[in-house]
Amino acid sequence: MLHNFSGPDGELPSGRLVRDPAGNLYGTTFWGGAHTVGTLFRVTKTGTHTVLYHFADIHGGHPSGALVLDSAGNLSGTTVQGGQFGAGTVFVVSPIGDELVLHSFPASGPDGRFPQGGVVLNKKNGSLYGTTLQGGSGNVFGAVFQIIP
């Protein structure tokens, strides 16, 4: 066992783990943390656990899906709730835990809302791609989105 979650450090790990070249594992928890809406964490090969970021609703809540790791060590992913409009975000967290919301999904409209499943990284141009559960054209059935750096 490398780590057991206790609540303040996160609850209900979700999504696939991603590994950096040094062998550290990164992931998210859907609940828990300082604001109870999830964390982004690192676990070393020896089991040392560090919370890099505590999600807070205005910056996204309840991360879901896989993270991606870019060549600079930044981690990108999605939250299914929170953000400026409450309908989820695409975020990036730096190796030292600084978070930036790349996109806040609106409550309605062609962008979609409630992203889930994480993102895919185009390593050539840095674009991120993902899907939403709802919204899109006709505001009902979801959308595929692209975030251009």
N, C-alpha and C. Protein backbone atom coordinates (compact mmCIF):
# COMPACT_ATOMS: atom_id res chain seq x y z
N MET A 1 0.85 -1.17 0.00
CA MET A 1 0.00 0.00 0.00
C MET A 1 0.89 1.24 0.00
N LEU A 2 0.68 2.10 -0.96
CA LEU A 2 1.45 3.34 -1.00
C LEU A 2 0.80 4.46 -0.19
N HIS A 3 -0.55 4.53 -0.20
CA HIS A 3 -1.22 5.60 0.54
C HIS A 3 -2.68 5.25 0.78
N ASN A 4 -3.18 5.57 1.96
CA ASN A 4 -4.60 5.48 2.29
C ASN A 4 -5.12 6.89 2.52
N PHE A 5 -6.19 7.25 1.83
CA PHE A 5 -6.77 8.59 1.98
C PHE A 5 -7.57 8.69 3.25
N SER A 6 -7.56 9.91 3.85
CA SER A 6 -8.20 10.09 5.15
C SER A 6 -9.26 11.18 5.19
N GLY A 7 -9.48 11.90 4.11
CA GLY A 7 -10.45 13.00 4.07
C GLY A 7 -9.80 14.34 3.85
N PRO A 8 -8.99 14.84 4.81
CA PRO A 8 -8.33 16.12 4.58
C PRO A 8 -7.37 16.09 3.38
N ASP A 9 -6.85 14.90 3.06
CA ASP A 9 -5.96 14.76 1.91
C ASP A 9 -6.70 14.26 0.68
N GLY A 10 -8.02 14.12 0.77
CA GLY A 10 -8.83 13.68 -0.35
C GLY A 10 -9.64 12.45 -0.01
N GLU A 11 -10.71 12.25 -0.75
CA GLU A 11 -11.56 11.07 -0.63
C GLU A 11 -11.99 10.64 -2.03
N LEU A 12 -12.15 9.37 -2.21
CA LEU A 12 -12.61 8.80 -3.48
C LEU A 12 -11.71 9.17 -4.65
N PRO A 13 -10.49 8.62 -4.69
CA PRO A 13 -9.63 8.88 -5.84
C PRO A 13 -10.37 8.49 -7.11
N SER A 14 -10.25 9.33 -8.12
CA SER A 14 -10.98 9.09 -9.36
C SER A 14 -10.05 9.30 -10.55
N GLY A 15 -10.37 8.67 -11.63
CA GLY A 15 -9.57 8.83 -12.84
C GLY A 15 -8.31 7.99 -12.79
N ARG A 16 -7.68 7.91 -13.91
CA ARG A 16 -6.45 7.16 -14.09
C ARG A 16 -5.28 7.97 -13.53
N LEU A 17 -4.30 7.27 -12.96
CA LEU A 17 -3.07 7.92 -12.51
C LEU A 17 -2.18 8.20 -13.71
N VAL A 18 -1.36 9.24 -13.59
CA VAL A 18 -0.35 9.53 -14.60
C VAL A 18 1.00 9.53 -13.89
N ARG A 19 2.04 9.05 -14.58
CA ARG A 19 3.37 8.92 -13.99
C ARG A 19 4.35 9.84 -14.70
N ASP A 20 5.20 10.51 -13.91
CA ASP A 20 6.24 11.36 -14.50
C ASP A 20 7.51 10.55 -14.73
N PRO A 21 8.51 11.10 -15.40
CA PRO A 21 9.75 10.36 -15.68
C PRO A 21 10.49 9.87 -14.43
N ALA A 22 10.29 10.54 -13.29
CA ALA A 22 10.95 10.12 -12.04
C ALA A 22 10.19 8.99 -11.34
N GLY A 23 9.02 8.63 -11.85
CA GLY A 23 8.25 7.55 -11.24
C GLY A 23 7.20 8.00 -10.24
N ASN A 24 7.03 9.31 -10.07
CA ASN A 24 5.97 9.83 -9.20
C ASN A 24 4.62 9.62 -9.88
N LEU A 25 3.60 9.36 -9.08
CA LEU A 25 2.24 9.18 -9.58
C LEU A 25 1.40 10.39 -9.21
N TYR A 26 0.55 10.83 -10.13
CA TYR A 26 -0.34 11.97 -9.90
C TYR A 26 -1.77 11.53 -10.17
N GLY A 27 -2.70 12.07 -9.37
CA GLY A 27 -4.10 11.76 -9.56
C GLY A 27 -4.96 12.77 -8.84
N THR A 28 -6.27 12.52 -8.89
CA THR A 28 -7.23 13.41 -8.25
C THR A 28 -8.16 12.60 -7.35
N THR A 29 -8.76 13.31 -6.40
CA THR A 29 -9.83 12.73 -5.60
C THR A 29 -11.10 13.55 -5.88
N PHE A 30 -12.23 12.88 -5.92
CA PHE A 30 -13.50 13.53 -6.25
C PHE A 30 -14.02 14.35 -5.07
N TRP A 31 -13.78 13.92 -3.87
CA TRP A 31 -14.23 14.58 -2.64
C TRP A 31 -13.02 14.86 -1.76
N GLY A 32 -13.28 15.51 -0.64
CA GLY A 32 -12.27 15.73 0.38
C GLY A 32 -11.39 16.93 0.11
N GLY A 33 -10.36 17.05 0.91
CA GLY A 33 -9.47 18.20 0.82
C GLY A 33 -9.99 19.36 1.66
N ALA A 34 -9.29 20.46 1.60
CA ALA A 34 -9.59 21.62 2.44
C ALA A 34 -10.97 22.20 2.19
N HIS A 35 -11.50 22.05 0.97
CA HIS A 35 -12.80 22.65 0.63
C HIS A 35 -13.85 21.58 0.31
N THR A 36 -13.52 20.35 0.55
CA THR A 36 -14.38 19.15 0.38
C THR A 36 -14.78 18.84 -1.06
N VAL A 37 -14.21 19.52 -2.05
CA VAL A 37 -14.59 19.25 -3.45
C VAL A 37 -13.44 18.66 -4.26
N GLY A 38 -12.46 18.04 -3.58
CA GLY A 38 -11.42 17.29 -4.28
C GLY A 38 -10.03 17.86 -4.15
N THR A 39 -9.08 17.01 -4.53
CA THR A 39 -7.66 17.36 -4.49
C THR A 39 -6.94 16.84 -5.73
N LEU A 40 -5.77 17.39 -5.97
CA LEU A 40 -4.82 16.85 -6.93
C LEU A 40 -3.59 16.47 -6.11
N PHE A 41 -3.12 15.24 -6.24
CA PHE A 41 -2.06 14.75 -5.37
C PHE A 41 -0.92 14.10 -6.14
N ARG A 42 0.21 13.95 -5.41
CA ARG A 42 1.39 13.22 -5.91
C ARG A 42 1.72 12.16 -4.87
N VAL A 43 2.08 10.96 -5.35
CA VAL A 43 2.60 9.90 -4.49
C VAL A 43 3.93 9.45 -5.08
N THR A 44 4.99 9.50 -4.28
CA THR A 44 6.31 9.06 -4.75
C THR A 44 6.40 7.54 -4.73
N LYS A 45 7.47 7.02 -5.31
CA LYS A 45 7.69 5.57 -5.33
C LYS A 45 7.78 4.99 -3.93
N THR A 46 8.18 5.80 -2.96
CA THR A 46 8.31 5.32 -1.59
C THR A 46 7.04 5.53 -0.77
N GLY A 47 6.00 6.12 -1.40
CA GLY A 47 4.72 6.28 -0.71
C GLY A 47 4.50 7.63 -0.06
N THR A 48 5.39 8.58 -0.26
CA THR A 48 5.18 9.92 0.29
C THR A 48 4.07 10.61 -0.49
N HIS A 49 3.02 11.01 0.22
CA HIS A 49 1.85 11.62 -0.40
C HIS A 49 1.87 13.13 -0.16
N THR A 50 1.62 13.90 -1.21
CA THR A 50 1.54 15.35 -1.11
C THR A 50 0.32 15.84 -1.87
N VAL A 51 -0.49 16.66 -1.23
CA VAL A 51 -1.58 17.33 -1.95
C VAL A 51 -0.98 18.56 -2.62
N LEU A 52 -1.03 18.59 -3.95
CA LEU A 52 -0.51 19.73 -4.69
C LEU A 52 -1.54 20.85 -4.80
N TYR A 53 -2.83 20.46 -4.83
CA TYR A 53 -3.87 21.47 -4.99
C TYR A 53 -5.16 21.00 -4.35
N HIS A 54 -5.80 21.90 -3.59
CA HIS A 54 -7.13 21.67 -3.02
C HIS A 54 -8.12 22.44 -3.88
N PHE A 55 -9.01 21.75 -4.56
CA PHE A 55 -10.00 22.43 -5.39
C PHE A 55 -10.97 23.21 -4.51
N ALA A 56 -11.42 24.35 -5.03
CA ALA A 56 -12.42 25.21 -4.38
C ALA A 56 -13.40 25.60 -5.47
N ASP A 57 -14.67 25.48 -5.22
CA ASP A 57 -15.69 25.57 -6.26
C ASP A 57 -15.47 26.64 -7.32
N ILE A 58 -15.07 27.84 -6.95
CA ILE A 58 -14.91 28.90 -7.94
C ILE A 58 -13.83 28.54 -8.97
N HIS A 59 -12.88 27.70 -8.59
CA HIS A 59 -11.82 27.25 -9.50
C HIS A 59 -12.08 25.83 -9.99
N GLY A 60 -13.27 25.34 -9.75
CA GLY A 60 -13.62 23.98 -10.18
C GLY A 60 -13.76 23.08 -8.97
N GLY A 61 -14.69 22.16 -9.07
CA GLY A 61 -14.92 21.21 -7.99
C GLY A 61 -15.20 19.83 -8.55
N HIS A 62 -14.80 18.83 -7.81
CA HIS A 62 -15.01 17.43 -8.17
C HIS A 62 -14.29 17.07 -9.47
N PRO A 63 -12.96 17.03 -9.44
CA PRO A 63 -12.23 16.63 -10.64
C PRO A 63 -12.63 15.22 -11.05
N SER A 64 -12.69 15.02 -12.34
CA SER A 64 -13.08 13.71 -12.86
C SER A 64 -12.28 13.39 -14.10
N GLY A 65 -12.01 12.13 -14.30
CA GLY A 65 -11.29 11.70 -15.49
C GLY A 65 -9.79 11.77 -15.31
N ALA A 66 -9.13 11.40 -16.36
CA ALA A 66 -7.67 11.30 -16.35
C ALA A 66 -7.00 12.66 -16.45
N LEU A 67 -5.85 12.76 -15.81
CA LEU A 67 -4.97 13.91 -15.95
C LEU A 67 -4.03 13.66 -17.13
N VAL A 68 -3.48 14.72 -17.68
CA VAL A 68 -2.39 14.61 -18.64
C VAL A 68 -1.23 15.43 -18.11
N LEU A 69 -0.03 14.98 -18.42
CA LEU A 69 1.21 15.62 -17.97
C LEU A 69 1.94 16.13 -19.20
N ASP A 70 2.26 17.43 -19.23
CA ASP A 70 3.01 17.96 -20.37
C ASP A 70 4.51 17.91 -20.10
N SER A 71 5.29 18.32 -21.07
CA SER A 71 6.76 18.21 -20.96
C SER A 71 7.34 19.11 -19.88
N ALA A 72 6.61 20.14 -19.45
CA ALA A 72 7.07 21.04 -18.39
C ALA A 72 6.65 20.56 -17.01
N GLY A 73 5.92 19.44 -16.94
CA GLY A 73 5.48 18.91 -15.65
C GLY A 73 4.14 19.44 -15.17
N ASN A 74 3.45 20.21 -16.02
CA ASN A 74 2.11 20.70 -15.68
C ASN A 74 1.08 19.59 -15.87
N LEU A 75 0.08 19.58 -15.00
CA LEU A 75 -0.99 18.59 -15.05
C LEU A 75 -2.29 19.27 -15.44
N SER A 76 -2.98 18.73 -16.45
CA SER A 76 -4.25 19.29 -16.90
C SER A 76 -5.35 18.26 -16.75
N GLY A 77 -6.56 18.76 -16.50
CA GLY A 77 -7.70 17.88 -16.36
C GLY A 77 -8.99 18.67 -16.32
N THR A 78 -10.07 18.01 -15.88
CA THR A 78 -11.38 18.63 -15.83
C THR A 78 -12.01 18.47 -14.45
N THR A 79 -12.90 19.41 -14.13
CA THR A 79 -13.78 19.27 -12.97
C THR A 79 -15.20 19.25 -13.51
N VAL A 80 -16.03 18.43 -12.92
CA VAL A 80 -17.39 18.27 -13.41
C VAL A 80 -18.33 19.37 -12.89
N GLN A 81 -17.90 20.10 -11.88
CA GLN A 81 -18.70 21.19 -11.32
C GLN A 81 -17.80 22.38 -11.02
N GLY A 82 -18.43 23.45 -10.56
CA GLY A 82 -17.67 24.62 -10.15
C GLY A 82 -17.24 25.47 -11.32
N GLY A 83 -16.33 26.37 -11.06
CA GLY A 83 -15.90 27.34 -12.05
C GLY A 83 -16.78 28.57 -11.99
N GLN A 84 -16.53 29.52 -12.85
CA GLN A 84 -17.23 30.79 -12.85
C GLN A 84 -18.75 30.63 -12.99
N PHE A 85 -19.20 29.61 -13.76
CA PHE A 85 -20.63 29.45 -14.02
C PHE A 85 -21.21 28.20 -13.35
N GLY A 86 -20.39 27.44 -12.64
CA GLY A 86 -20.86 26.27 -11.91
C GLY A 86 -20.98 24.98 -12.71
N ALA A 87 -20.62 25.01 -13.99
CA ALA A 87 -20.83 23.84 -14.85
C ALA A 87 -19.53 23.13 -15.23
N GLY A 88 -18.45 23.34 -14.44
CA GLY A 88 -17.20 22.63 -14.66
C GLY A 88 -16.11 23.47 -15.28
N THR A 89 -14.90 22.92 -15.25
CA THR A 89 -13.72 23.63 -15.76
C THR A 89 -12.76 22.70 -16.46
N VAL A 90 -11.86 23.30 -17.22
CA VAL A 90 -10.62 22.68 -17.66
C VAL A 90 -9.53 23.45 -16.93
N PHE A 91 -8.62 22.73 -16.27
CA PHE A 91 -7.61 23.39 -15.44
C PHE A 91 -6.22 22.87 -15.77
N VAL A 92 -5.23 23.64 -15.32
CA VAL A 92 -3.84 23.20 -15.34
C VAL A 92 -3.24 23.54 -13.98
N VAL A 93 -2.46 22.59 -13.42
CA VAL A 93 -1.76 22.79 -12.15
C VAL A 93 -0.27 22.60 -12.41
N SER A 94 0.53 23.58 -11.97
CA SER A 94 1.98 23.53 -12.18
C SER A 94 2.61 22.51 -11.22
N PRO A 95 3.86 22.14 -11.45
CA PRO A 95 4.54 21.20 -10.55
C PRO A 95 4.61 21.66 -9.10
N ILE A 96 4.49 22.98 -8.85
CA ILE A 96 4.53 23.47 -7.46
C ILE A 96 3.14 23.76 -6.91
N GLY A 97 2.08 23.41 -7.67
CA GLY A 97 0.73 23.52 -7.14
C GLY A 97 -0.04 24.77 -7.49
N ASP A 98 0.48 25.60 -8.40
CA ASP A 98 -0.27 26.77 -8.85
C ASP A 98 -1.31 26.32 -9.86
N GLU A 99 -2.57 26.74 -9.66
CA GLU A 99 -3.66 26.32 -10.54
C GLU A 99 -4.12 27.47 -11.40
N LEU A 100 -4.49 27.16 -12.64
CA LEU A 100 -5.05 28.13 -13.57
C LEU A 100 -6.25 27.48 -14.24
N VAL A 101 -7.39 28.15 -14.22
CA VAL A 101 -8.57 27.69 -14.94
C VAL A 101 -8.42 28.12 -16.39
N LEU A 102 -8.36 27.15 -17.30
CA LEU A 102 -8.23 27.45 -18.72
C LEU A 102 -9.59 27.76 -19.34
N HIS A 103 -10.66 27.15 -18.80
CA HIS A 103 -12.00 27.39 -19.33
C HIS A 103 -13.03 27.04 -18.26
N SER A 104 -14.01 27.91 -18.07
CA SER A 104 -15.17 27.63 -17.23
C SER A 104 -16.36 27.40 -18.15
N PHE A 105 -17.01 26.27 -18.00
CA PHE A 105 -18.13 25.95 -18.87
C PHE A 105 -19.38 26.70 -18.42
N PRO A 106 -20.13 27.28 -19.39
CA PRO A 106 -21.36 27.99 -19.06
C PRO A 106 -22.48 27.02 -18.72
N ALA A 107 -23.53 27.53 -18.08
CA ALA A 107 -24.67 26.70 -17.71
C ALA A 107 -25.47 26.25 -18.92
N SER A 108 -25.33 26.94 -20.05
CA SER A 108 -26.00 26.52 -21.28
C SER A 108 -25.20 27.06 -22.46
N GLY A 109 -25.48 26.50 -23.64
CA GLY A 109 -24.83 27.01 -24.84
C GLY A 109 -24.00 25.97 -25.56
N PRO A 110 -23.38 26.39 -26.66
CA PRO A 110 -22.67 25.45 -27.54
C PRO A 110 -21.38 24.87 -26.96
N ASP A 111 -20.83 25.48 -25.90
CA ASP A 111 -19.60 24.95 -25.31
C ASP A 111 -19.80 23.60 -24.63
N GLY A 112 -21.02 23.30 -24.25
CA GLY A 112 -21.27 22.13 -23.43
C GLY A 112 -21.12 22.49 -21.97
N ARG A 113 -21.45 21.53 -21.11
CA ARG A 113 -21.31 21.73 -19.67
C ARG A 113 -21.07 20.39 -19.00
N PHE A 114 -20.49 20.42 -17.82
CA PHE A 114 -20.17 19.23 -17.02
C PHE A 114 -19.18 18.30 -17.75
N PRO A 115 -17.94 18.79 -17.98
CA PRO A 115 -16.94 17.94 -18.63
C PRO A 115 -16.63 16.72 -17.77
N GLN A 116 -16.40 15.61 -18.42
CA GLN A 116 -16.08 14.39 -17.69
C GLN A 116 -15.18 13.53 -18.56
N GLY A 117 -14.37 12.74 -17.93
CA GLY A 117 -13.49 11.86 -18.69
C GLY A 117 -12.09 12.40 -18.87
N GLY A 118 -11.82 13.60 -18.36
CA GLY A 118 -10.48 14.15 -18.48
C GLY A 118 -10.24 14.75 -19.85
N VAL A 119 -8.97 14.91 -20.17
CA VAL A 119 -8.58 15.52 -21.44
C VAL A 119 -7.48 14.68 -22.09
N VAL A 120 -7.33 14.93 -23.38
CA VAL A 120 -6.25 14.36 -24.18
C VAL A 120 -5.38 15.52 -24.62
N LEU A 121 -4.06 15.35 -24.55
CA LEU A 121 -3.11 16.40 -24.91
C LEU A 121 -2.52 16.14 -26.29
N ASN A 122 -2.57 17.15 -27.16
CA ASN A 122 -1.86 17.11 -28.43
C ASN A 122 -0.46 17.66 -28.14
N LYS A 123 0.54 16.79 -28.10
CA LYS A 123 1.89 17.21 -27.69
C LYS A 123 2.55 18.14 -28.70
N LYS A 124 2.08 18.15 -29.95
CA LYS A 124 2.68 19.02 -30.96
C LYS A 124 2.32 20.49 -30.76
N ASN A 125 1.04 20.76 -30.41
CA ASN A 125 0.64 22.16 -30.29
C ASN A 125 0.10 22.54 -28.92
N GLY A 126 0.01 21.58 -27.98
CA GLY A 126 -0.44 21.87 -26.63
C GLY A 126 -1.94 21.94 -26.43
N SER A 127 -2.72 21.70 -27.50
CA SER A 127 -4.18 21.73 -27.38
C SER A 127 -4.67 20.59 -26.50
N LEU A 128 -5.76 20.85 -25.78
CA LEU A 128 -6.42 19.84 -24.96
C LEU A 128 -7.80 19.56 -25.55
N TYR A 129 -8.20 18.29 -25.53
CA TYR A 129 -9.49 17.88 -26.07
C TYR A 129 -10.23 17.07 -25.01
N GLY A 130 -11.56 17.19 -25.00
CA GLY A 130 -12.37 16.42 -24.06
C GLY A 130 -13.83 16.44 -24.45
N THR A 131 -14.66 15.90 -23.58
CA THR A 131 -16.10 15.84 -23.83
C THR A 131 -16.89 16.35 -22.63
N THR A 132 -18.13 16.78 -22.91
CA THR A 132 -19.03 17.21 -21.85
C THR A 132 -20.24 16.29 -21.81
N LEU A 133 -20.85 16.20 -20.64
CA LEU A 133 -22.03 15.34 -20.47
C LEU A 133 -23.28 15.95 -21.07
N GLN A 134 -23.37 17.27 -21.08
CA GLN A 134 -24.57 17.96 -21.55
C GLN A 134 -24.16 19.18 -22.35
N GLY A 135 -25.16 19.85 -22.90
CA GLY A 135 -24.93 21.08 -23.64
C GLY A 135 -24.54 20.80 -25.07
N GLY A 136 -23.85 21.76 -25.67
CA GLY A 136 -23.50 21.65 -27.07
C GLY A 136 -24.60 22.20 -27.95
N SER A 137 -24.50 21.94 -29.25
CA SER A 137 -25.50 22.40 -30.20
C SER A 137 -26.86 21.85 -29.82
N GLY A 138 -27.84 22.69 -29.70
CA GLY A 138 -29.16 22.28 -29.24
C GLY A 138 -29.24 22.21 -27.73
N ASN A 139 -28.12 22.43 -27.04
CA ASN A 139 -28.06 22.53 -25.59
C ASN A 139 -28.54 21.28 -24.86
N VAL A 140 -28.29 20.08 -25.40
CA VAL A 140 -28.82 18.88 -24.77
C VAL A 140 -27.80 17.76 -24.62
N PHE A 141 -27.23 17.27 -25.69
CA PHE A 141 -26.58 15.97 -25.72
C PHE A 141 -25.07 15.94 -25.53
N GLY A 142 -24.45 17.06 -25.23
CA GLY A 142 -23.01 17.08 -24.98
C GLY A 142 -22.21 17.58 -26.16
N ALA A 143 -20.91 17.71 -25.95
CA ALA A 143 -20.03 18.28 -26.97
C ALA A 143 -18.63 17.72 -26.82
N VAL A 144 -17.87 17.81 -27.92
CA VAL A 144 -16.42 17.59 -27.90
C VAL A 144 -15.80 18.97 -27.94
N PHE A 145 -14.86 19.24 -27.04
CA PHE A 145 -14.26 20.57 -26.99
C PHE A 145 -12.77 20.52 -27.24
N GLN A 146 -12.23 21.68 -27.63
CA GLN A 146 -10.79 21.88 -27.81
C GLN A 146 -10.41 23.16 -27.06
N ILE A 147 -9.34 23.08 -26.26
CA ILE A 147 -8.77 24.25 -25.61
C ILE A 147 -7.42 24.50 -26.28
N ILE A 148 -7.28 25.67 -26.89
CA ILE A 148 -6.05 26.01 -27.59
C ILE A 148 -5.20 26.86 -26.65
N PRO A 149 -3.92 26.49 -26.48
CA PRO A 149 -3.08 27.25 -25.54
C PRO A 149 -2.85 28.69 -26.00
